[in-house]
Amino acid sequence: MTPSLAVLERLLATAGLYLTVVDQEGRVIQPMADREDVHDGAGRRYPSHLDTILDPEQGEWWGDIYGLARPPETYHRSSADREARRRRSRWEVRVAQHRNVPPPPIVQDYY
């Protein structure tokens, strides 16, 4: 019999173990965080896969290039931009691990 994920988690917890997700290099992948305190104009939460920006500066919101009024919160719309920011952030946070690796380029806003 193949146990469901919930049953497998309970079995592992009994043994003091837990499931985790790792990438191809074996690094643990953290879950995306939902922001309960930030909602759009209709009262909806921003989804986890969006990097929320509170009080965006000029150029941080994709609508700036169209001259739209800046909202109190927004997100980086471009997935390439989000991934470049993640790479840069990982390098900045884990400097000791990346001591001999040149830094990724500083992310420029491009939409």
Protein backbone atom coordinates (compact mmCIF):
# COMPACT_ATOMS: atom_id res chain seq x y z
CA MET A 1 0.00 0.00 0.00
CA THR A 2 1.30 3.47 -0.85
CA PRO A 3 0.72 5.96 2.00
CA SER A 4 -0.64 9.42 1.30
CA LEU A 5 1.65 12.39 1.90
CA ALA A 6 -0.13 13.19 5.16
CA VAL A 7 0.35 9.62 6.42
CA LEU A 8 4.01 9.63 5.37
CA GLU A 9 4.55 12.91 7.25
CA ARG A 10 2.96 11.43 10.40
CA LEU A 11 5.08 8.28 10.12
CA LEU A 12 8.26 10.34 9.75
CA ALA A 13 7.25 12.67 12.60
CA THR A 14 6.88 9.65 14.87
CA ALA A 15 10.55 8.88 14.18
CA GLY A 16 11.55 12.52 14.74
CA LEU A 17 12.04 13.13 11.01
CA TYR A 18 10.44 15.47 8.50
CA LEU A 19 10.21 15.91 4.74
CA THR A 20 12.18 18.61 3.00
CA VAL A 21 12.66 19.73 -0.59
CA VAL A 22 16.17 20.07 -2.01
CA ASP A 23 17.47 21.27 -5.38
CA GLN A 24 19.82 19.30 -7.66
CA GLU A 25 22.84 20.36 -5.57
CA GLY A 26 21.18 19.14 -2.36
CA ARG A 27 20.43 22.64 -0.97
CA VAL A 28 17.24 22.92 1.07
CA ILE A 29 14.53 24.99 -0.63
CA GLN A 30 12.53 27.16 1.75
CA PRO A 31 8.76 27.49 1.24
CA MET A 32 7.43 30.75 -0.15
CA ALA A 33 5.98 33.05 2.47
CA ASP A 34 2.47 34.46 2.25
CA ARG A 35 1.99 37.98 3.56
CA GLU A 36 -1.20 38.06 5.60
CA ASP A 37 -0.83 41.81 6.23
CA VAL A 38 -0.85 42.96 2.57
CA HIS A 39 -3.94 43.00 0.36
CA ASP A 40 -4.78 44.57 -2.98
CA GLY A 41 -7.57 47.10 -3.52
CA ALA A 42 -10.18 44.32 -3.59
CA GLY A 43 -9.00 42.86 -0.27
CA ARG A 44 -7.23 39.86 -1.84
CA ARG A 45 -3.84 38.64 -0.59
CA TYR A 46 -0.94 38.76 -3.00
CA PRO A 47 0.01 35.18 -3.94
CA SER A 48 3.18 33.55 -2.62
CA HIS A 49 4.96 33.46 -5.96
CA LEU A 50 5.03 37.27 -6.16
CA ASP A 51 7.73 39.30 -4.43
CA THR A 52 5.72 42.00 -2.69
CA ILE A 53 7.16 45.53 -2.62
CA LEU A 54 5.73 47.83 0.04
CA ASP A 55 5.85 51.57 -0.76
CA PRO A 56 7.57 51.13 -4.15
CA GLU A 57 10.15 53.70 -5.24
CA GLN A 58 10.26 55.16 -8.75
CA GLY A 59 11.13 52.37 -11.18
CA GLU A 60 10.26 49.48 -8.84
CA TRP A 61 6.79 49.03 -10.29
CA TRP A 62 6.14 47.88 -13.84
CA GLY A 63 3.40 50.52 -14.25
CA ASP A 64 5.87 53.40 -13.85
CA ILE A 65 6.82 53.21 -17.52
CA TYR A 66 3.17 53.92 -18.39
CA GLY A 67 2.86 56.85 -16.00
CA LEU A 68 0.29 55.07 -13.83
CA ALA A 69 -0.30 56.15 -10.22
CA ARG A 70 1.93 54.09 -7.94
CA PRO A 71 0.02 51.75 -5.58
CA PRO A 72 0.93 51.36 -1.87
CA GLU A 73 2.16 47.84 -2.63
CA THR A 74 3.06 45.96 -5.78
CA TYR A 75 5.35 43.16 -6.97
CA HIS A 76 8.04 42.41 -9.53
CA ARG A 77 6.10 41.17 -12.52
CA SER A 78 8.98 39.79 -14.60
CA SER A 79 9.97 36.23 -13.69
CA ALA A 80 13.46 36.84 -15.13
CA ASP A 81 13.76 39.90 -12.89
CA ARG A 82 12.58 37.95 -9.84
CA GLU A 83 15.05 35.14 -10.54
CA ALA A 84 17.95 37.58 -11.02
CA ARG A 85 17.08 39.25 -7.71
CA ARG A 86 17.00 35.83 -5.99
CA ARG A 87 20.44 34.93 -7.40
CA ARG A 88 21.88 38.24 -6.20
CA SER A 89 20.22 37.88 -2.79
CA ARG A 90 21.54 34.32 -2.33
CA TRP A 91 25.04 35.50 -3.15
CA GLU A 92 24.79 38.45 -0.71
CA VAL A 93 23.39 36.32 2.13
CA ARG A 94 25.80 33.40 1.68
CA VAL A 95 29.03 35.32 1.13
CA ALA A 96 31.13 32.75 3.02
CA GLN A 97 29.96 29.96 0.71
CA HIS A 98 30.60 32.07 -2.39
CA ARG A 99 33.95 33.53 -1.33
CA ASN A 100 35.66 32.65 -4.66
CA VAL A 101 32.63 33.20 -6.87
CA PRO A 102 32.19 36.57 -8.58
CA PRO A 103 28.96 38.33 -7.62
CA PRO A 104 25.97 38.15 -9.94
CA PRO A 105 25.22 41.44 -11.68
CA ILE A 106 23.21 44.01 -9.78
CA VAL A 107 19.65 43.74 -11.03
CA GLN A 108 18.46 46.54 -13.26
CA ASP A 109 14.74 47.03 -13.62
CA TYR A 110 13.60 45.75 -17.01
CA TYR A 111 10.04 45.04 -17.96
